[in-house]
PDB file of all heavy atoms in Angstrom:
ATOM      1  N   GLN A   1      47.771  12.201  81.683  1.00  0.00           N
ATOM      2  CA  GLN A   1      46.761  12.467  82.631  1.00  0.00           C
ATOM      3  C   GLN A   1      47.569  12.968  84.009  1.00  0.00           C
ATOM      4  O   GLN A   1      46.985  13.882  84.607  1.00  0.00           O
ATOM      5  CB  GLN A   1      46.056  11.092  82.973  1.00  0.00           C
ATOM      6  CG  GLN A   1      45.039  10.791  81.782  1.00  0.00           C
ATOM      7  CD  GLN A   1      44.591   9.322  82.093  1.00  0.00           C
ATOM      8  OE1 GLN A   1      44.922   8.661  83.128  1.00  0.00           O
ATOM      9  NE2 GLN A   1      43.625   8.915  81.133  1.00  0.00           N
ATOM     10  N   ALA A   2      48.651  12.260  84.308  1.00  0.00           N
ATOM     11  CA  ALA A   2      49.389  12.745  85.409  1.00  0.00           C
ATOM     12  C   ALA A   2      49.862  14.088  85.471  1.00  0.00           C
ATOM     13  O   ALA A   2      49.788  14.945  86.291  1.00  0.00           O
ATOM     14  CB  ALA A   2      50.512  11.708  85.755  1.00  0.00           C
ATOM     15  N   LEU A   3      50.412  14.535  84.230  1.00  0.00           N
ATOM     16  CA  LEU A   3      50.926  15.932  84.074  1.00  0.00           C
ATOM     17  C   LEU A   3      49.784  16.863  84.234  1.00  0.00           C
ATOM     18  O   LEU A   3      49.893  17.938  84.791  1.00  0.00           O
ATOM     19  CB  LEU A   3      51.785  15.889  82.847  1.00  0.00           C
ATOM     20  CG  LEU A   3      53.142  15.201  82.898  1.00  0.00           C
ATOM     21  CD1 LEU A   3      53.793  15.366  81.438  1.00  0.00           C
ATOM     22  CD2 LEU A   3      54.015  15.604  83.925  1.00  0.00           C
ATOM     23  N   ASN A   4      48.783  16.619  83.488  1.00  0.00           N
ATOM     24  CA  ASN A   4      47.525  17.544  83.444  1.00  0.00           C
ATOM     25  C   ASN A   4      47.029  17.740  84.857  1.00  0.00           C
ATOM     26  O   ASN A   4      46.661  18.784  85.210  1.00  0.00           O
ATOM     27  CB  ASN A   4      46.558  17.025  82.452  1.00  0.00           C
ATOM     28  CG  ASN A   4      46.870  17.343  81.020  1.00  0.00           C
ATOM     29  OD1 ASN A   4      47.379  18.464  80.689  1.00  0.00           O
ATOM     30  ND2 ASN A   4      46.652  16.388  80.120  1.00  0.00           N
ATOM     31  N   ALA A   5      46.995  16.603  85.582  1.00  0.00           N
ATOM     32  CA  ALA A   5      46.517  16.735  87.046  1.00  0.00           C
ATOM     33  C   ALA A   5      47.276  17.591  87.893  1.00  0.00           C
ATOM     34  O   ALA A   5      46.804  18.171  88.833  1.00  0.00           O
ATOM     35  CB  ALA A   5      46.489  15.299  87.557  1.00  0.00           C
ATOM     36  N   ARG A   6      48.711  17.763  87.488  1.00  0.00           N
ATOM     37  CA  ARG A   6      49.519  18.805  88.127  1.00  0.00           C
ATOM     38  C   ARG A   6      49.754  20.113  87.500  1.00  0.00           C
ATOM     39  O   ARG A   6      50.545  20.842  87.757  1.00  0.00           O
ATOM     40  CB  ARG A   6      50.934  18.024  88.299  1.00  0.00           C
ATOM     41  CG  ARG A   6      51.023  16.822  88.929  1.00  0.00           C
ATOM     42  CD  ARG A   6      50.708  16.910  90.421  1.00  0.00           C
ATOM     43  NE  ARG A   6      51.285  15.727  91.160  1.00  0.00           N
ATOM     44  CZ  ARG A   6      52.467  15.573  91.668  1.00  0.00           C
ATOM     45  NH1 ARG A   6      53.521  16.595  91.592  1.00  0.00           N
ATOM     46  NH2 ARG A   6      52.929  14.388  92.200  1.00  0.00           N
ATOM     47  N   ARG A   7      48.767  20.280  86.546  1.00  0.00           N
ATOM     48  CA  ARG A   7      48.665  21.625  85.856  1.00  0.00           C
ATOM     49  C   ARG A   7      50.059  21.827  85.073  1.00  0.00           C
ATOM     50  O   ARG A   7      50.412  22.940  84.879  1.00  0.00           O
ATOM     51  CB  ARG A   7      48.394  22.780  86.808  1.00  0.00           C
ATOM     52  CG  ARG A   7      47.059  22.647  87.512  1.00  0.00           C
ATOM     53  CD  ARG A   7      46.912  23.844  88.438  1.00  0.00           C
ATOM     54  NE  ARG A   7      45.578  23.658  89.147  1.00  0.00           N
ATOM     55  CZ  ARG A   7      45.085  24.571  90.071  1.00  0.00           C
ATOM     56  NH1 ARG A   7      45.867  25.573  90.304  1.00  0.00           N
ATOM     57  NH2 ARG A   7      43.964  24.377  90.632  1.00  0.00           N
ATOM     58  N   TRP A   8      50.513  20.776  84.485  1.00  0.00           N
ATOM     59  CA  TRP A   8      51.603  20.863  83.518  1.00  0.00           C
ATOM     60  C   TRP A   8      51.142  20.230  82.238  1.00  0.00           C
ATOM     61  O   TRP A   8      50.841  19.127  82.121  1.00  0.00           O
ATOM     62  CB  TRP A   8      52.842  20.039  83.973  1.00  0.00           C
ATOM     63  CG  TRP A   8      54.127  20.389  83.218  1.00  0.00           C
ATOM     64  CD1 TRP A   8      54.781  19.630  82.329  1.00  0.00           C
ATOM     65  CD2 TRP A   8      54.814  21.650  83.485  1.00  0.00           C
ATOM     66  NE1 TRP A   8      55.787  20.358  82.045  1.00  0.00           N
ATOM     67  CE2 TRP A   8      56.015  21.529  82.532  1.00  0.00           C
ATOM     68  CE3 TRP A   8      54.722  22.796  84.133  1.00  0.00           C
ATOM     69  CZ2 TRP A   8      56.981  22.564  82.506  1.00  0.00           C
ATOM     70  CZ3 TRP A   8      55.619  23.792  84.143  1.00  0.00           C
ATOM     71  CH2 TRP A   8      56.696  23.671  83.176  1.00  0.00           C
ATOM     72  N   ARG A   9      50.798  21.142  81.253  1.00  0.00           N
ATOM     73  CA  ARG A   9      49.900  20.733  80.101  1.00  0.00           C
ATOM     74  C   ARG A   9      50.577  19.792  79.251  1.00  0.00           C
ATOM     75  O   ARG A   9      51.741  19.762  78.753  1.00  0.00           O
ATOM     76  CB  ARG A   9      49.801  22.002  79.251  1.00  0.00           C
ATOM     77  CG  ARG A   9      48.782  21.929  78.075  1.00  0.00           C
ATOM     78  CD  ARG A   9      48.562  23.075  77.291  1.00  0.00           C
ATOM     79  NE  ARG A   9      47.917  22.922  76.160  1.00  0.00           N
ATOM     80  CZ  ARG A   9      48.026  23.659  75.019  1.00  0.00           C
ATOM     81  NH1 ARG A   9      48.906  24.721  74.969  1.00  0.00           N
ATOM     82  NH2 ARG A   9      47.226  23.428  73.950  1.00  0.00           N
ATOM     83  N   ALA A  10      49.859  18.738  79.063  1.00  0.00           N
ATOM     84  CA  ALA A  10      50.259  17.557  78.116  1.00  0.00           C
ATOM     85  C   ALA A  10      49.021  17.100  77.324  1.00  0.00           C
ATOM     86  O   ALA A  10      47.945  17.194  77.736  1.00  0.00           O
ATOM     87  CB  ALA A  10      50.759  16.429  78.957  1.00  0.00           C
ATOM     88  N   GLU A  11      49.311  16.557  76.155  1.00  0.00           N
ATOM     89  CA  GLU A  11      48.259  16.215  75.275  1.00  0.00           C
ATOM     90  C   GLU A  11      48.668  14.743  74.598  1.00  0.00           C
ATOM     91  O   GLU A  11      49.566  14.487  74.083  1.00  0.00           O
ATOM     92  CB  GLU A  11      48.252  17.154  74.043  1.00  0.00           C
ATOM     93  CG  GLU A  11      47.196  16.808  73.043  1.00  0.00           C
ATOM     94  CD  GLU A  11      47.348  17.749  71.792  1.00  0.00           C
ATOM     95  OE1 GLU A  11      48.209  18.510  71.652  1.00  0.00           O
ATOM     96  OE2 GLU A  11      46.301  17.781  70.991  1.00  0.00           O
ATOM     97  N   ALA A  12      47.675  13.805  74.980  1.00  0.00           N
ATOM     98  CA  ALA A  12      47.806  12.508  74.345  1.00  0.00           C
ATOM     99  C   ALA A  12      47.594  12.515  72.831  1.00  0.00           C
ATOM    100  O   ALA A  12      46.616  13.221  72.511  1.00  0.00           O
ATOM    101  CB  ALA A  12      46.836  11.561  75.163  1.00  0.00           C
ATOM    102  N   LEU A  13      48.431  11.780  72.145  1.00  0.00           N
ATOM    103  CA  LEU A  13      48.446  11.812  70.619  1.00  0.00           C
ATOM    104  C   LEU A  13      48.325  10.497  70.037  1.00  0.00           C
ATOM    105  O   LEU A  13      48.902   9.478  70.623  1.00  0.00           O
ATOM    106  CB  LEU A  13      49.575  12.577  70.096  1.00  0.00           C
ATOM    107  CG  LEU A  13      49.848  14.062  70.686  1.00  0.00           C
ATOM    108  CD1 LEU A  13      51.199  14.508  70.206  1.00  0.00           C
ATOM    109  CD2 LEU A  13      48.773  14.983  70.049  1.00  0.00           C
ATOM    110  N   SER A  14      47.740  10.357  68.848  1.00  0.00           N
ATOM    111  CA  SER A  14      47.762   9.120  68.107  1.00  0.00           C
ATOM    112  C   SER A  14      48.894   9.088  67.413  1.00  0.00           C
ATOM    113  O   SER A  14      49.778  10.108  67.195  1.00  0.00           O
ATOM    114  CB  SER A  14      46.401   9.164  67.202  1.00  0.00           C
ATOM    115  OG  SER A  14      46.576  10.195  66.236  1.00  0.00           O
ATOM    116  N   GLY A  15      49.167   7.996  66.624  1.00  0.00           N
ATOM    117  CA  GLY A  15      50.303   7.834  65.664  1.00  0.00           C
ATOM    118  C   GLY A  15      50.188   8.840  64.607  1.00  0.00           C
ATOM    119  O   GLY A  15      51.361   9.467  64.212  1.00  0.00           O
ATOM    120  N   GLU A  16      49.069   9.113  64.015  1.00  0.00           N
ATOM    121  CA  GLU A  16      48.929  10.103  62.909  1.00  0.00           C
ATOM    122  C   GLU A  16      49.212  11.572  63.462  1.00  0.00           C
ATOM    123  O   GLU A  16      49.791  12.249  62.678  1.00  0.00           O
ATOM    124  CB  GLU A  16      47.494  10.080  62.387  1.00  0.00           C
ATOM    125  CG  GLU A  16      47.146   8.702  61.665  1.00  0.00           C
ATOM    126  CD  GLU A  16      46.875   7.511  62.588  1.00  0.00           C
ATOM    127  OE1 GLU A  16      46.732   7.751  63.840  1.00  0.00           O
ATOM    128  OE2 GLU A  16      46.665   6.462  62.065  1.00  0.00           O
ATOM    129  N   GLN A  17      48.912  11.751  64.673  1.00  0.00           N
ATOM    130  CA  GLN A  17      49.196  13.073  65.176  1.00  0.00           C
ATOM    131  C   GLN A  17      50.631  13.434  65.389  1.00  0.00           C
ATOM    132  O   GLN A  17      50.977  14.557  65.059  1.00  0.00           O
ATOM    133  CB  GLN A  17      48.273  13.258  66.385  1.00  0.00           C
ATOM    134  CG  GLN A  17      46.843  13.474  66.251  1.00  0.00           C
ATOM    135  CD  GLN A  17      46.064  13.478  67.541  1.00  0.00           C
ATOM    136  OE1 GLN A  17      46.224  12.598  68.501  1.00  0.00           O
ATOM    137  NE2 GLN A  17      45.134  14.397  67.646  1.00  0.00           N
ATOM    138  N   VAL A  18      51.410  12.372  65.868  1.00  0.00           N
ATOM    139  CA  VAL A  18      52.743  12.564  66.217  1.00  0.00           C
ATOM    140  C   VAL A  18      53.477  12.761  64.702  1.00  0.00           C
ATOM    141  O   VAL A  18      54.415  13.616  64.671  1.00  0.00           O
ATOM    142  CB  VAL A  18      53.455  11.612  67.040  1.00  0.00           C
ATOM    143  CG1 VAL A  18      52.797  11.505  68.420  1.00  0.00           C
ATOM    144  CG2 VAL A  18      53.399  10.203  66.395  1.00  0.00           C
ATOM    145  N   GLN A  19      53.069  11.984  63.850  1.00  0.00           N
ATOM    146  CA  GLN A  19      53.531  11.990  62.602  1.00  0.00           C
ATOM    147  C   GLN A  19      53.329  13.505  62.000  1.00  0.00           C
ATOM    148  O   GLN A  19      54.232  14.045  61.290  1.00  0.00           O
ATOM    149  CB  GLN A  19      53.042  11.045  61.663  1.00  0.00           C
ATOM    150  CG  GLN A  19      53.587  10.947  60.242  1.00  0.00           C
ATOM    151  CD  GLN A  19      54.905  10.094  60.141  1.00  0.00           C
ATOM    152  OE1 GLN A  19      54.904   9.044  60.598  1.00  0.00           O
ATOM    153  NE2 GLN A  19      55.952  10.765  59.668  1.00  0.00           N
ATOM    154  N   LYS A  20      52.211  14.054  62.223  1.00  0.00           N
ATOM    155  CA  LYS A  20      51.919  15.353  61.650  1.00  0.00           C
ATOM    156  C   LYS A  20      52.666  16.410  62.267  1.00  0.00           C
ATOM    157  O   LYS A  20      53.180  17.434  61.642  1.00  0.00           O
ATOM    158  CB  LYS A  20      50.416  15.636  61.801  1.00  0.00           C
ATOM    159  CG  LYS A  20      49.932  16.939  61.143  1.00  0.00           C
ATOM    160  CD  LYS A  20      48.466  17.077  61.220  1.00  0.00           C
ATOM    161  CE  LYS A  20      47.973  18.404  60.486  1.00  0.00           C
ATOM    162  NZ  LYS A  20      46.474  18.595  60.642  1.00  0.00           N
ATOM    163  N   LEU A  21      52.933  16.395  63.527  1.00  0.00           N
ATOM    164  CA  LEU A  21      53.722  17.360  64.300  1.00  0.00           C
ATOM    165  C   LEU A  21      55.207  17.207  63.892  1.00  0.00           C
ATOM    166  O   LEU A  21      55.865  18.249  63.849  1.00  0.00           O
ATOM    167  CB  LEU A  21      53.572  17.116  65.776  1.00  0.00           C
ATOM    168  CG  LEU A  21      52.426  17.673  66.393  1.00  0.00           C
ATOM    169  CD1 LEU A  21      52.340  17.136  67.853  1.00  0.00           C
ATOM    170  CD2 LEU A  21      52.320  19.180  66.404  1.00  0.00           C
ATOM    171  N   GLU A  22      55.694  16.028  63.750  1.00  0.00           N
ATOM    172  CA  GLU A  22      57.139  15.862  63.309  1.00  0.00           C
ATOM    173  C   GLU A  22      57.179  14.889  62.096  1.00  0.00           C
ATOM    174  O   GLU A  22      57.307  13.611  62.380  1.00  0.00           O
ATOM    175  CB  GLU A  22      57.909  15.280  64.439  1.00  0.00           C
ATOM    176  CG  GLU A  22      58.004  16.370  65.561  1.00  0.00           C
ATOM    177  CD  GLU A  22      58.991  17.446  65.257  1.00  0.00           C
ATOM    178  OE1 GLU A  22      59.567  17.525  64.161  1.00  0.00           O
ATOM    179  OE2 GLU A  22      59.067  18.422  66.063  1.00  0.00           O
ATOM    180  N   PRO A  23      57.180  15.394  60.932  1.00  0.00           N
ATOM    181  CA  PRO A  23      57.170  14.510  59.773  1.00  0.00           C
ATOM    182  C   PRO A  23      58.449  13.626  59.567  1.00  0.00           C
ATOM    183  O   PRO A  23      58.437  12.733  58.949  1.00  0.00           O
ATOM    184  CB  PRO A  23      57.104  15.532  58.519  1.00  0.00           C
ATOM    185  CG  PRO A  23      56.366  16.627  59.113  1.00  0.00           C
ATOM    186  CD  PRO A  23      56.900  16.657  60.546  1.00  0.00           C
ATOM    187  N   ALA A  24      59.498  14.059  60.319  1.00  0.00           N
ATOM    188  CA  ALA A  24      60.763  13.245  60.255  1.00  0.00           C
ATOM    189  C   ALA A  24      60.489  11.794  60.974  1.00  0.00           C
ATOM    190  O   ALA A  24      61.434  11.051  60.807  1.00  0.00           O
ATOM    191  CB  ALA A  24      61.917  14.020  60.801  1.00  0.00           C
ATOM    192  N   LEU A  25      59.574  11.769  61.834  1.00  0.00           N
ATOM    193  CA  LEU A  25      59.273  10.555  62.565  1.00  0.00           C
ATOM    194  C   LEU A  25      58.972   9.416  61.623  1.00  0.00           C
ATOM    195  O   LEU A  25      58.277   9.652  60.596  1.00  0.00           O
ATOM    196  CB  LEU A  25      58.272  10.691  63.591  1.00  0.00           C
ATOM    197  CG  LEU A  25      58.734  11.514  64.907  1.00  0.00           C
ATOM    198  CD1 LEU A  25      57.418  11.798  65.633  1.00  0.00           C
ATOM    199  CD2 LEU A  25      59.650  10.648  65.761  1.00  0.00           C
TER     200      LEU A  25
END
């Protein structure tokens, strides 16, 4: 939220989403 408020793009993710982005996790 803080980064997006400063126009620095960030996306909150669930555990399943981080695992999908980086299967090595």
